[in-house]
Amino acid sequence: VILIFSVTPETSSENLEVAVDIIASIIRSKNRTRFERCHFMKISPAALDIETVYWVLSDDHDLHMDIQQAILLEVRRAFKSQGIEFASPYSEIQIKGDYFNRVKKGIQNSVVRS
């Protein structure tokens, strides 16, 4: 199983290390799994990605999904308690100065002229 956890770009290096440790610890605690690896693997403008690989030691799909759900819920709870935020799939745009008002006025003028 390959899971990628994306955290906000503002996450400190220290919290990235904590996040990796949290994920690895949670997976290692699960019965019928074999932990393979967990690494901070990618920096992008919208997220810092942590890739995790583990094996479920069974071909039972329901067991696989139960284990994955338990891992995801525990990671979510642990991140929340540590103040580690998941990245959102959007970008924030900041408009400074009077640009916004000029754009808004231009849109209103174009609507009136139509």
C-alpha atoms as a PDB file:
ATOM      1  CA  VAL A   1       0.000   0.000   0.000  1.00  0.00           C
ATOM      2  CA  ILE A   2       1.289   3.461  -0.880  1.00  0.00           C
ATOM      3  CA  LEU A   3      -0.185   6.421   0.987  1.00  0.00           C
ATOM      4  CA  ILE A   4       0.765  10.032   0.422  1.00  0.00           C
ATOM      5  CA  PHE A   5       0.027  12.528   3.160  1.00  0.00           C
ATOM      6  CA  SER A   6       0.170  16.185   2.117  1.00  0.00           C
ATOM      7  CA  VAL A   7       0.724  18.831   4.772  1.00  0.00           C
ATOM      8  CA  THR A   8       0.731  22.610   4.417  1.00  0.00           C
ATOM      9  CA  PRO A   9       3.874  24.295   3.075  1.00  0.00           C
ATOM     10  CA  GLU A  10       4.077  26.262   6.345  1.00  0.00           C
ATOM     11  CA  THR A  11       4.784  23.063   8.304  1.00  0.00           C
ATOM     12  CA  SER A  12       8.120  23.379  10.088  1.00  0.00           C
ATOM     13  CA  SER A  13      10.959  20.938   9.476  1.00  0.00           C
ATOM     14  CA  GLU A  14      10.571  19.785  13.065  1.00  0.00           C
ATOM     15  CA  ASN A  15       6.866  19.026  12.537  1.00  0.00           C
ATOM     16  CA  LEU A  16       7.680  17.197   9.293  1.00  0.00           C
ATOM     17  CA  GLU A  17       9.967  14.926  11.283  1.00  0.00           C
ATOM     18  CA  VAL A  18       7.228  14.468  13.886  1.00  0.00           C
ATOM     19  CA  ALA A  19       4.704  13.654  11.122  1.00  0.00           C
ATOM     20  CA  VAL A  20       6.983  10.985   9.636  1.00  0.00           C
ATOM     21  CA  ASP A  21       7.489   9.453  13.093  1.00  0.00           C
ATOM     22  CA  ILE A  22       3.740   9.509  13.815  1.00  0.00           C
ATOM     23  CA  ILE A  23       2.874   7.724  10.578  1.00  0.00           C
ATOM     24  CA  ALA A  24       5.605   5.107  10.967  1.00  0.00           C
ATOM     25  CA  SER A  25       4.658   4.434  14.588  1.00  0.00           C
ATOM     26  CA  ILE A  26       0.971   4.022  13.790  1.00  0.00           C
ATOM     27  CA  ILE A  27       1.615   1.590  10.943  1.00  0.00           C
ATOM     28  CA  ARG A  28       4.118  -0.417  13.003  1.00  0.00           C
ATOM     29  CA  SER A  29       1.481  -0.782  15.736  1.00  0.00           C
ATOM     30  CA  LYS A  30      -0.999  -2.522  13.422  1.00  0.00           C
ATOM     31  CA  ASN A  31      -1.287  -6.300  13.414  1.00  0.00           C
ATOM     32  CA  ARG A  32      -0.967  -8.029  10.056  1.00  0.00           C
ATOM     33  CA  THR A  33       1.063  -5.221   8.486  1.00  0.00           C
ATOM     34  CA  ARG A  34       4.708  -4.888   7.537  1.00  0.00           C
ATOM     35  CA  PHE A  35       6.050  -1.355   7.577  1.00  0.00           C
ATOM     36  CA  GLU A  36       8.283  -0.639   4.578  1.00  0.00           C
ATOM     37  CA  ARG A  37       9.170   3.083   4.674  1.00  0.00           C
ATOM     38  CA  CYS A  38       7.997   6.624   5.358  1.00  0.00           C
ATOM     39  CA  HIS A  39       9.778   9.672   3.917  1.00  0.00           C
ATOM     40  CA  PHE A  40       9.265  13.379   3.329  1.00  0.00           C
ATOM     41  CA  MET A  41       9.507  13.135  -0.441  1.00  0.00           C
ATOM     42  CA  LYS A  42       8.315  16.260  -2.232  1.00  0.00           C
ATOM     43  CA  ILE A  43       8.006  20.025  -1.967  1.00  0.00           C
ATOM     44  CA  SER A  44       5.433  21.815  -4.110  1.00  0.00           C
ATOM     45  CA  PRO A  45       3.860  25.278  -3.853  1.00  0.00           C
ATOM     46  CA  ALA A  46       0.668  23.851  -2.330  1.00  0.00           C
ATOM     47  CA  ALA A  47       1.977  21.006  -0.138  1.00  0.00           C
ATOM     48  CA  LEU A  48       4.790  19.032   1.432  1.00  0.00           C
ATOM     49  CA  ASP A  49       4.304  15.333   0.665  1.00  0.00           C
ATOM     50  CA  ILE A  50       5.142  12.368   2.875  1.00  0.00           C
ATOM     51  CA  GLU A  51       5.121   8.990   1.127  1.00  0.00           C
ATOM     52  CA  THR A  52       4.456   5.874   3.153  1.00  0.00           C
ATOM     53  CA  VAL A  53       4.623   2.256   2.065  1.00  0.00           C
ATOM     54  CA  TYR A  54       3.395  -0.746   4.011  1.00  0.00           C
ATOM     55  CA  TRP A  55       2.154  -4.265   3.311  1.00  0.00           C
ATOM     56  CA  VAL A  56      -1.021  -5.911   4.562  1.00  0.00           C
ATOM     57  CA  LEU A  57      -0.172  -9.526   5.335  1.00  0.00           C
ATOM     58  CA  SER A  58      -3.428 -10.917   3.993  1.00  0.00           C
ATOM     59  CA  ASP A  59      -5.311 -11.031   0.709  1.00  0.00           C
ATOM     60  CA  ASP A  60      -8.586 -10.187   2.493  1.00  0.00           C
ATOM     61  CA  HIS A  61      -9.741  -6.896   0.964  1.00  0.00           C
ATOM     62  CA  ASP A  62     -12.057  -6.042   3.862  1.00  0.00           C
ATOM     63  CA  LEU A  63      -9.184  -6.474   6.317  1.00  0.00           C
ATOM     64  CA  HIS A  64      -7.010  -4.284   4.103  1.00  0.00           C
ATOM     65  CA  MET A  65      -9.633  -1.512   4.136  1.00  0.00           C
ATOM     66  CA  ASP A  66     -10.179  -1.818   7.904  1.00  0.00           C
ATOM     67  CA  ILE A  67      -6.454  -1.442   8.515  1.00  0.00           C
ATOM     68  CA  GLN A  68      -6.150   1.489   6.120  1.00  0.00           C
ATOM     69  CA  GLN A  69      -9.121   3.262   7.714  1.00  0.00           C
ATOM     70  CA  ALA A  70      -7.669   2.754  11.199  1.00  0.00           C
ATOM     71  CA  ILE A  71      -4.309   4.144  10.045  1.00  0.00           C
ATOM     72  CA  LEU A  72      -5.889   7.192   8.383  1.00  0.00           C
ATOM     73  CA  LEU A  73      -8.071   7.998  11.395  1.00  0.00           C
ATOM     74  CA  GLU A  74      -5.172   7.665  13.826  1.00  0.00           C
ATOM     75  CA  VAL A  75      -2.911   9.822  11.645  1.00  0.00           C
ATOM     76  CA  ARG A  76      -5.625  12.464  11.403  1.00  0.00           C
ATOM     77  CA  ARG A  77      -6.114  12.523  15.192  1.00  0.00           C
ATOM     78  CA  ALA A  78      -2.375  12.604  15.893  1.00  0.00           C
ATOM     79  CA  PHE A  79      -1.733  15.388  13.376  1.00  0.00           C
ATOM     80  CA  LYS A  80      -4.553  17.439  14.886  1.00  0.00           C
ATOM     81  CA  SER A  81      -3.167  17.005  18.408  1.00  0.00           C
ATOM     82  CA  GLN A  82       0.298  18.085  17.186  1.00  0.00           C
ATOM     83  CA  GLY A  83      -0.996  21.079  15.205  1.00  0.00           C
ATOM     84  CA  ILE A  84       0.040  19.552  11.881  1.00  0.00           C
ATOM     85  CA  GLU A  85      -2.367  20.585   9.135  1.00  0.00           C
ATOM     86  CA  PHE A  86      -3.228  18.673   5.991  1.00  0.00           C
ATOM     87  CA  ALA A  87      -2.790  20.656   2.790  1.00  0.00           C
ATOM     88  CA  SER A  88      -5.920  21.763   0.992  1.00  0.00           C
ATOM     89  CA  PRO A  89      -6.318  21.227  -2.754  1.00  0.00           C
ATOM     90  CA  TYR A  90      -6.515  24.938  -3.491  1.00  0.00           C
ATOM     91  CA  SER A  91      -4.224  27.938  -3.684  1.00  0.00           C
ATOM     92  CA  GLU A  92      -4.682  31.186  -1.871  1.00  0.00           C
ATOM     93  CA  ILE A  93      -4.248  34.357  -3.892  1.00  0.00           C
ATOM     94  CA  GLN A  94      -3.568  37.618  -2.117  1.00  0.00           C
ATOM     95  CA  ILE A  95      -4.372  40.832  -3.960  1.00  0.00           C
ATOM     96  CA  LYS A  96      -2.641  43.871  -2.520  1.00  0.00           C
ATOM     97  CA  GLY A  97      -3.288  47.554  -2.915  1.00  0.00           C
ATOM     98  CA  ASP A  98      -6.087  49.015  -4.992  1.00  0.00           C
ATOM     99  CA  TYR A  99      -5.922  46.339  -7.704  1.00  0.00           C
ATOM    100  CA  PHE A 100      -9.009  44.499  -6.432  1.00  0.00           C
ATOM    101  CA  ASN A 101     -11.143  47.667  -6.452  1.00  0.00           C
ATOM    102  CA  ARG A 102     -10.002  48.538  -9.980  1.00  0.00           C
ATOM    103  CA  VAL A 103     -10.811  45.023 -11.235  1.00  0.00           C
ATOM    104  CA  LYS A 104     -14.193  45.081  -9.485  1.00  0.00           C
ATOM    105  CA  LYS A 105     -14.998  48.499 -11.008  1.00  0.00           C
ATOM    106  CA  GLY A 106     -13.955  47.262 -14.463  1.00  0.00           C
ATOM    107  CA  ILE A 107     -16.261  44.237 -14.150  1.00  0.00           C
ATOM    108  CA  GLN A 108     -19.158  46.429 -13.055  1.00  0.00           C
ATOM    109  CA  ASN A 109     -18.555  48.822 -15.980  1.00  0.00           C
ATOM    110  CA  SER A 110     -18.466  45.975 -18.491  1.00  0.00           C
ATOM    111  CA  VAL A 111     -21.772  44.608 -17.159  1.00  0.00           C
ATOM    112  CA  VAL A 112     -23.423  48.014 -17.443  1.00  0.00           C
ATOM    113  CA  ARG A 113     -22.215  48.428 -21.056  1.00  0.00           C
ATOM    114  CA  SER A 114     -23.488  45.036 -22.200  1.00  0.00           C
END
